């Protein structure tokens, strides 16, 4: 592995950590733990109790404007209501999520500068695209706060993060004189299977994002109720029902891909085994969420592992397409 590839790998890991941190924020309902930006209750370092906040110095009009975007009556927002709504756990959960974005920004700047020394147009373009995606997502993150967790923006925020990971996978893969490729014996059908599985996982992820938006709404409208009861509400939506049933199709397709890849390559390697394990884990987590309840920890891993699955398939496709012509 070259030094540049290590830089790209570090950038990828920082993004993955940020995705998991964001998943924790969503699963715990801490998205508005810091209701203002870039400060948190008017402070650079958030308070641990309401007594540490000088509510008289907060820009109440900004909080009221946000309440209006959420569909709340702006007149109900006062220093007293803000004090009553303060939750130190949610505040620090969201603040730590913001802190995890700092290593992402630093690693992206280093990667962008290092890419120009590679003298490969595709690598430079991918590094520039990665940096641009980080900037756009940072802007979207700000709008997520100001919009009061508007569903469409949240989904786009997550989608761009996964797109960023794919760009980083390509950057790391291409950042060497001899990019990695797999020698695929016989038909190239396994490459098409991998591409189809990639598309199915993305489609399932889009539906999953819609379901997560529903759970965000349930977290607000069913506060205090058992999470197990949320499933009954979700079953009223066709998106949830299709998402739940479609996962069995993804599982079957994933097993088919694993079998064909094992034959084409002679035996399954760490990447094929990893992809199969991630597909199985996602299915298991889906069963937990649908049959036991919308457990926060299961939600976190369901969101985080989905990004790893897409990234793994992206890497396999890069290596598969390159090596498909090198018949054994």
Protein backbone atom coordinates (compact mmCIF):
# COMPACT_ATOMS: atom_id res chain seq x y z
CA UNK A 1 0.00 0.00 0.00
CA UNK A 2 1.40 3.40 -1.00
CA UNK A 3 1.54 6.44 1.27
CA UNK A 4 -1.19 8.10 -0.78
CA UNK A 5 -3.43 5.06 -0.40
CA UNK A 6 -2.93 5.21 3.36
CA UNK A 7 -4.03 8.84 3.34
CA UNK A 8 -7.15 7.90 1.36
CA UNK A 9 -7.82 5.01 3.74
CA UNK A 10 -7.54 7.31 6.76
CA UNK A 11 -10.00 9.70 5.11
CA UNK A 12 -12.37 6.79 4.49
CA UNK A 13 -12.18 5.70 8.15
CA UNK A 14 -12.90 9.24 9.40
CA UNK A 15 -16.00 9.37 7.18
CA UNK A 16 -17.14 5.95 8.43
CA UNK A 17 -16.77 7.10 12.04
CA UNK A 18 -18.80 10.20 11.19
CA UNK A 19 -21.53 8.06 9.62
CA UNK A 20 -21.77 5.90 12.75
CA UNK A 21 -21.82 9.05 14.92
CA UNK A 22 -24.62 10.45 12.78
CA UNK A 23 -26.49 7.16 13.06
CA UNK A 24 -26.27 7.39 16.86
CA UNK A 25 -27.69 10.92 16.69
CA UNK A 26 -30.62 9.77 14.55
CA UNK A 27 -31.33 6.62 16.54
CA UNK A 28 -31.33 8.47 19.87
CA UNK A 29 -33.32 11.44 18.58
CA UNK A 30 -30.52 13.85 19.49
CA UNK A 31 -30.58 15.69 16.17
CA UNK A 32 -31.65 18.95 17.80
CA UNK A 33 -29.48 18.51 20.88
CA UNK A 34 -27.63 21.60 19.70
CA UNK A 35 -30.45 23.69 18.24
CA UNK A 36 -28.17 26.44 16.91
CA UNK A 37 -25.11 26.39 14.64
CA UNK A 38 -22.11 26.73 14.74
CA UNK A 39 -22.57 27.33 18.45
CA UNK A 40 -24.46 25.08 20.84
CA UNK A 41 -26.86 27.08 22.99
CA UNK A 42 -24.67 30.08 22.24
CA UNK A 43 -21.48 28.34 23.47
CA UNK A 44 -18.48 26.86 21.67
CA UNK A 45 -18.39 24.09 24.26
CA UNK A 46 -21.93 22.99 25.18
CA UNK A 47 -23.21 23.23 28.75
CA UNK A 48 -23.94 20.23 30.93
CA UNK A 49 -26.90 21.82 32.69
CA UNK A 50 -29.48 24.51 31.93
CA UNK A 51 -28.05 26.66 34.74
CA UNK A 52 -24.92 27.22 32.66
CA UNK A 53 -26.89 28.82 29.82
CA UNK A 54 -27.65 32.52 29.67
CA UNK A 55 -30.96 32.26 27.82
CA UNK A 56 -31.33 36.04 27.75
CA UNK A 57 -28.37 36.26 25.33
CA UNK A 58 -29.68 33.69 22.87
CA UNK A 59 -31.11 34.87 19.57
CA UNK A 60 -34.68 33.78 20.31
CA UNK A 61 -35.84 34.86 16.84
CA UNK A 62 -33.64 32.19 15.24
CA UNK A 63 -35.16 29.55 17.50
CA UNK A 64 -38.65 30.81 16.65
CA UNK A 65 -37.91 30.74 12.92
CA UNK A 66 -36.78 27.14 13.25
CA UNK A 67 -39.92 26.28 15.21
CA UNK A 68 -41.99 27.70 12.37
CA UNK A 69 -40.16 25.47 9.88
CA UNK A 70 -41.03 22.52 12.13
CA UNK A 71 -44.69 23.45 12.10
CA UNK A 72 -44.67 24.70 15.69
CA UNK A 73 -46.13 28.00 16.86
CA UNK A 74 -43.15 30.40 17.09
CA UNK A 75 -44.91 32.30 19.88
CA UNK A 76 -44.51 29.29 22.16
CA UNK A 77 -40.71 29.56 22.01
CA UNK A 78 -39.46 31.49 25.03
CA UNK A 79 -36.36 31.34 27.23
CA UNK A 80 -38.44 29.31 29.68
CA UNK A 81 -39.47 26.69 27.09
CA UNK A 82 -35.88 26.43 25.86
CA UNK A 83 -34.75 25.84 29.42
CA UNK A 84 -37.38 23.13 29.88
CA UNK A 85 -36.41 21.41 26.61
CA UNK A 86 -32.67 21.34 27.38
CA UNK A 87 -31.34 17.77 27.42
CA UNK A 88 -27.61 17.47 28.26
CA UNK A 89 -27.32 13.91 26.89
CA UNK A 90 -28.83 14.88 23.53
CA UNK A 91 -26.76 18.06 23.47
CA UNK A 92 -23.44 16.29 23.95
CA UNK A 93 -24.40 13.47 21.59
CA UNK A 94 -24.97 15.99 18.80
CA UNK A 95 -21.87 17.99 19.78
CA UNK A 96 -19.63 14.90 19.59
CA UNK A 97 -21.15 14.18 16.19
CA UNK A 98 -20.04 17.64 15.10
CA UNK A 99 -16.54 17.05 16.49
CA UNK A 100 -16.14 13.89 14.40
CA UNK A 101 -16.46 16.05 11.30
CA UNK A 102 -13.19 17.84 12.12
CA UNK A 103 -10.90 14.86 11.27
CA UNK A 104 -12.90 14.42 8.06
CA UNK A 105 -12.17 17.99 6.99
CA UNK A 106 -8.48 17.75 7.85
CA UNK A 107 -7.96 14.40 6.11
CA UNK A 108 -9.78 15.66 3.00
CA UNK A 109 -7.50 18.69 2.73
CA UNK A 110 -4.42 16.46 3.08
CA UNK A 111 -5.82 14.03 0.50
CA UNK A 112 -6.60 16.84 -1.95
CA UNK A 113 -3.07 18.28 -1.71
CA UNK A 114 -1.47 14.82 -1.95
CA UNK A 115 -3.52 13.93 -5.04
CA UNK A 116 -1.77 16.58 -7.14
CA UNK A 117 1.52 14.76 -6.63
CA UNK A 118 0.01 11.58 -8.12
CA UNK A 119 -0.21 13.13 -11.59
CA UNK A 120 -3.19 10.97 -12.44
CA UNK A 121 -6.20 12.84 -13.76
CA UNK A 122 -8.70 10.33 -12.39
CA UNK A 123 -7.16 10.44 -8.91
CA UNK A 124 -7.08 14.24 -8.84
CA UNK A 125 -10.69 14.38 -10.08
CA UNK A 126 -11.83 11.87 -7.42
CA UNK A 127 -10.01 13.79 -4.67
CA UNK A 128 -11.56 17.06 -5.81
CA UNK A 129 -14.99 15.39 -5.94
CA UNK A 130 -14.47 14.00 -2.42
CA UNK A 131 -13.51 17.42 -1.09
CA UNK A 132 -16.52 19.01 -2.82
CA UNK A 133 -18.85 16.37 -1.35
CA UNK A 134 -17.51 17.13 2.13
CA UNK A 135 -18.14 20.85 1.65
CA UNK A 136 -21.66 20.26 0.34
CA UNK A 137 -22.43 17.87 3.19
CA UNK A 138 -21.09 20.35 5.75
CA UNK A 139 -23.48 22.93 4.31
CA UNK A 140 -26.30 20.38 4.38
CA UNK A 141 -25.44 19.54 8.00
CA UNK A 142 -25.92 23.17 8.86
CA UNK A 143 -29.26 23.18 7.04
CA UNK A 144 -30.32 20.00 8.85
CA UNK A 145 -30.09 21.97 12.10
CA UNK A 146 -31.76 25.10 10.72
CA UNK A 147 -34.54 23.11 9.02
CA UNK A 148 -35.48 21.36 12.25
CA UNK A 149 -34.52 17.91 10.90
CA UNK A 150 -36.43 18.21 7.64
CA UNK A 151 -36.68 14.60 6.31
CA UNK A 152 -35.58 15.19 2.72
CA UNK A 153 -32.43 17.03 3.77
CA UNK A 154 -31.52 14.29 6.26
CA UNK A 155 -31.79 11.58 3.60
CA UNK A 156 -29.72 13.63 1.12
CA UNK A 157 -27.15 14.24 3.87
CA UNK A 158 -26.75 10.48 4.37
CA UNK A 159 -26.78 9.69 0.64
CA UNK A 160 -23.96 12.13 -0.06
CA UNK A 161 -21.92 10.62 2.78
CA UNK A 162 -22.15 7.17 1.16
CA UNK A 163 -21.35 8.67 -2.27
CA UNK A 164 -18.30 10.25 -0.64
CA UNK A 165 -17.19 6.85 0.61
CA UNK A 166 -17.41 5.40 -2.90
CA UNK A 167 -15.31 8.29 -4.20
CA UNK A 168 -12.73 7.60 -1.51
CA UNK A 169 -12.72 3.88 -2.32
CA UNK A 170 -11.92 4.75 -5.93
CA UNK A 171 -9.25 7.25 -4.86
CA UNK A 172 -7.52 4.67 -2.67
CA UNK A 173 -7.85 1.92 -5.29
CA UNK A 174 -6.45 4.05 -8.14
CA UNK A 175 -3.72 5.69 -6.08
CA UNK A 176 -1.00 3.30 -7.23
CA UNK A 177 0.79 2.38 -10.46
CA UNK A 178 -0.82 -1.07 -10.44
CA UNK A 179 -4.42 -0.94 -9.16
CA UNK A 180 -5.67 -4.16 -7.61
CA UNK A 181 -7.64 -6.51 -9.84
CA UNK A 182 -9.07 -10.02 -9.58
CA UNK A 183 -8.37 -12.73 -12.13
CA UNK A 184 -11.84 -14.00 -12.92
CA UNK A 185 -12.04 -17.39 -14.61
CA UNK A 186 -14.71 -18.20 -17.17
CA UNK A 187 -17.70 -15.93 -17.70
CA UNK A 188 -17.84 -12.35 -16.54
CA UNK A 189 -21.33 -13.02 -15.22
CA UNK A 190 -20.14 -12.59 -11.65
CA UNK A 191 -19.22 -8.96 -12.41
CA UNK A 192 -22.76 -8.30 -13.64
CA UNK A 193 -24.10 -10.04 -10.52
CA UNK A 194 -21.98 -7.76 -8.36
CA UNK A 195 -23.26 -4.71 -10.22
CA UNK A 196 -26.85 -5.92 -9.82
CA UNK A 197 -26.31 -6.57 -6.10
CA UNK A 198 -24.84 -3.08 -5.75
CA UNK A 199 -27.94 -1.58 -7.39
CA UNK A 200 -30.27 -3.67 -5.20
CA UNK A 201 -28.45 -2.62 -2.03
CA UNK A 202 -28.68 1.05 -3.06
CA UNK A 203 -32.40 0.66 -3.81
CA UNK A 204 -32.96 -1.04 -0.46
CA UNK A 205 -31.01 1.76 1.19
CA UNK A 206 -33.22 4.42 -0.41
CA UNK A 207 -36.32 2.70 0.97
CA UNK A 208 -34.54 2.31 4.30
CA UNK A 209 -33.93 6.06 4.40
CA UNK A 210 -37.66 6.62 3.97
CA UNK A 211 -38.35 4.22 6.83
CA UNK A 212 -35.80 6.01 9.03
CA UNK A 213 -37.59 9.28 8.33
CA UNK A 214 -40.78 7.62 9.60
CA UNK A 215 -39.03 6.49 12.78
CA UNK A 216 -37.75 10.06 13.29
CA UNK A 217 -41.36 11.24 13.13
CA UNK A 218 -42.47 8.50 15.52
CA UNK A 219 -39.75 9.50 17.96
CA UNK A 220 -41.33 12.95 18.14
CA UNK A 221 -45.01 11.96 18.03
CA UNK A 222 -44.76 8.85 20.23
CA UNK A 223 -42.31 10.08 22.82
CA UNK A 224 -42.50 7.99 25.97
CA UNK A 225 -44.11 5.02 24.26
CA UNK A 226 -42.27 1.68 23.88
CA UNK A 227 -40.27 1.45 20.66
CA UNK A 228 -41.74 -2.00 20.08
CA UNK A 229 -45.09 -0.32 19.40
CA UNK A 230 -43.59 1.68 16.52
CA UNK A 231 -43.59 -1.38 14.26
CA UNK A 232 -47.39 -1.46 14.23
CA UNK A 233 -47.40 2.15 13.04
CA UNK A 234 -44.74 1.44 10.40
CA UNK A 235 -46.74 -1.49 9.02
CA UNK A 236 -49.35 1.00 7.83
CA UNK A 237 -46.85 2.20 5.22
CA UNK A 238 -46.29 0.34 1.95
CA UNK A 239 -42.69 1.61 1.84
CA UNK A 240 -41.91 -0.17 5.09
CA UNK A 241 -43.62 -3.39 3.96
CA UNK A 242 -41.76 -3.41 0.63
CA UNK A 243 -38.47 -2.57 2.37
CA UNK A 244 -38.96 -5.43 4.81
CA UNK A 245 -39.89 -7.99 2.16
CA UNK A 246 -37.30 -6.81 -0.36
CA UNK A 247 -34.52 -7.57 2.14
CA UNK A 248 -35.12 -11.31 1.61
CA UNK A 249 -34.53 -10.82 -2.11
CA UNK A 250 -31.26 -8.95 -1.36
CA UNK A 251 -30.18 -11.79 0.94
CA UNK A 252 -30.87 -14.41 -1.72
CA UNK A 253 -29.08 -12.37 -4.37
CA UNK A 254 -26.14 -11.85 -2.01
CA UNK A 255 -25.79 -15.60 -1.46
CA UNK A 256 -25.97 -16.17 -5.22
CA UNK A 257 -23.20 -13.61 -5.76
CA UNK A 258 -21.06 -15.24 -3.06
CA UNK A 259 -21.41 -18.66 -4.69
CA UNK A 260 -20.62 -17.38 -8.21
CA UNK A 261 -17.69 -15.29 -6.97
CA UNK A 262 -16.24 -18.29 -5.13
CA UNK A 263 -16.39 -20.35 -8.32
CA UNK A 264 -15.03 -17.61 -10.59
CA UNK A 265 -12.13 -16.79 -8.27
CA UNK A 266 -11.35 -20.34 -7.24
CA UNK A 267 -12.27 -19.60 -3.65
CA UNK A 268 -13.87 -16.79 -1.68
CA UNK A 269 -11.44 -14.17 -0.40
CA UNK A 270 -11.74 -11.74 2.50
CA UNK A 271 -13.73 -9.24 0.43
CA UNK A 272 -16.31 -11.77 -0.78
CA UNK A 273 -16.67 -13.15 2.75
CA UNK A 274 -16.96 -9.63 4.14
CA UNK A 275 -19.71 -8.69 1.67
CA UNK A 276 -21.63 -11.88 2.44
CA UNK A 277 -21.25 -11.30 6.19
CA UNK A 278 -22.50 -7.72 5.87
CA UNK A 279 -25.54 -8.83 3.83
CA UNK A 280 -26.34 -11.46 6.47
CA UNK A 281 -25.83 -9.01 9.36
CA UNK A 282 -28.11 -6.46 7.69
CA UNK A 283 -30.77 -9.13 7.31
CA UNK A 284 -30.40 -10.16 10.95
CA UNK A 285 -30.61 -6.55 12.13
CA UNK A 286 -33.69 -6.06 9.95
CA UNK A 287 -35.37 -9.04 11.60
CA UNK A 288 -34.56 -7.61 15.03
CA UNK A 289 -36.01 -4.22 14.10
CA UNK A 290 -39.18 -5.68 12.58
CA UNK A 291 -39.88 -8.48 15.06
CA UNK A 292 -38.54 -7.16 18.37
CA UNK A 293 -38.79 -3.39 18.03
CA UNK A 294 -37.01 -0.28 16.76
CA UNK A 295 -34.04 -0.76 19.08
CA UNK A 296 -31.68 2.20 18.93
CA UNK A 297 -28.47 0.13 18.92
CA UNK A 298 -29.77 -2.05 16.09
CA UNK A 299 -30.65 1.10 14.14
CA UNK A 300 -27.12 2.43 14.54
CA UNK A 301 -25.50 -0.73 13.17
CA UNK A 302 -28.13 -1.07 10.44
CA UNK A 303 -27.29 2.41 9.14
CA UNK A 304 -23.53 2.15 9.64
CA UNK A 305 -23.09 -1.31 8.14
CA UNK A 306 -25.11 -0.34 5.07
CA UNK A 307 -22.43 2.22 4.18
CA UNK A 308 -19.72 -0.42 4.61
CA UNK A 309 -21.65 -2.83 2.39
CA UNK A 310 -21.95 -0.28 -0.41
CA UNK A 311 -18.24 0.56 -0.08
CA UNK A 312 -17.26 -3.13 -0.14
CA UNK A 313 -19.29 -3.76 -3.28
CA UNK A 314 -17.80 -0.64 -4.88
CA UNK A 315 -14.28 -1.95 -4.23
CA UNK A 316 -15.18 -5.41 -5.54
CA UNK A 317 -16.57 -3.93 -8.75
CA UNK A 318 -13.41 -1.88 -9.32
CA UNK A 319 -11.22 -4.95 -8.87
CA UNK A 320 -13.62 -7.19 -10.77
CA UNK A 321 -13.95 -4.94 -13.82
CA UNK A 322 -10.17 -4.53 -13.99
CA UNK A 323 -9.45 -8.24 -13.61
CA UNK A 324 -12.32 -9.62 -15.67
CA UNK A 325 -10.29 -9.38 -18.86
CA UNK A 326 -7.34 -11.19 -17.33
CA UNK A 327 -8.74 -14.69 -17.74
CA UNK A 328 -6.92 -17.47 -15.88
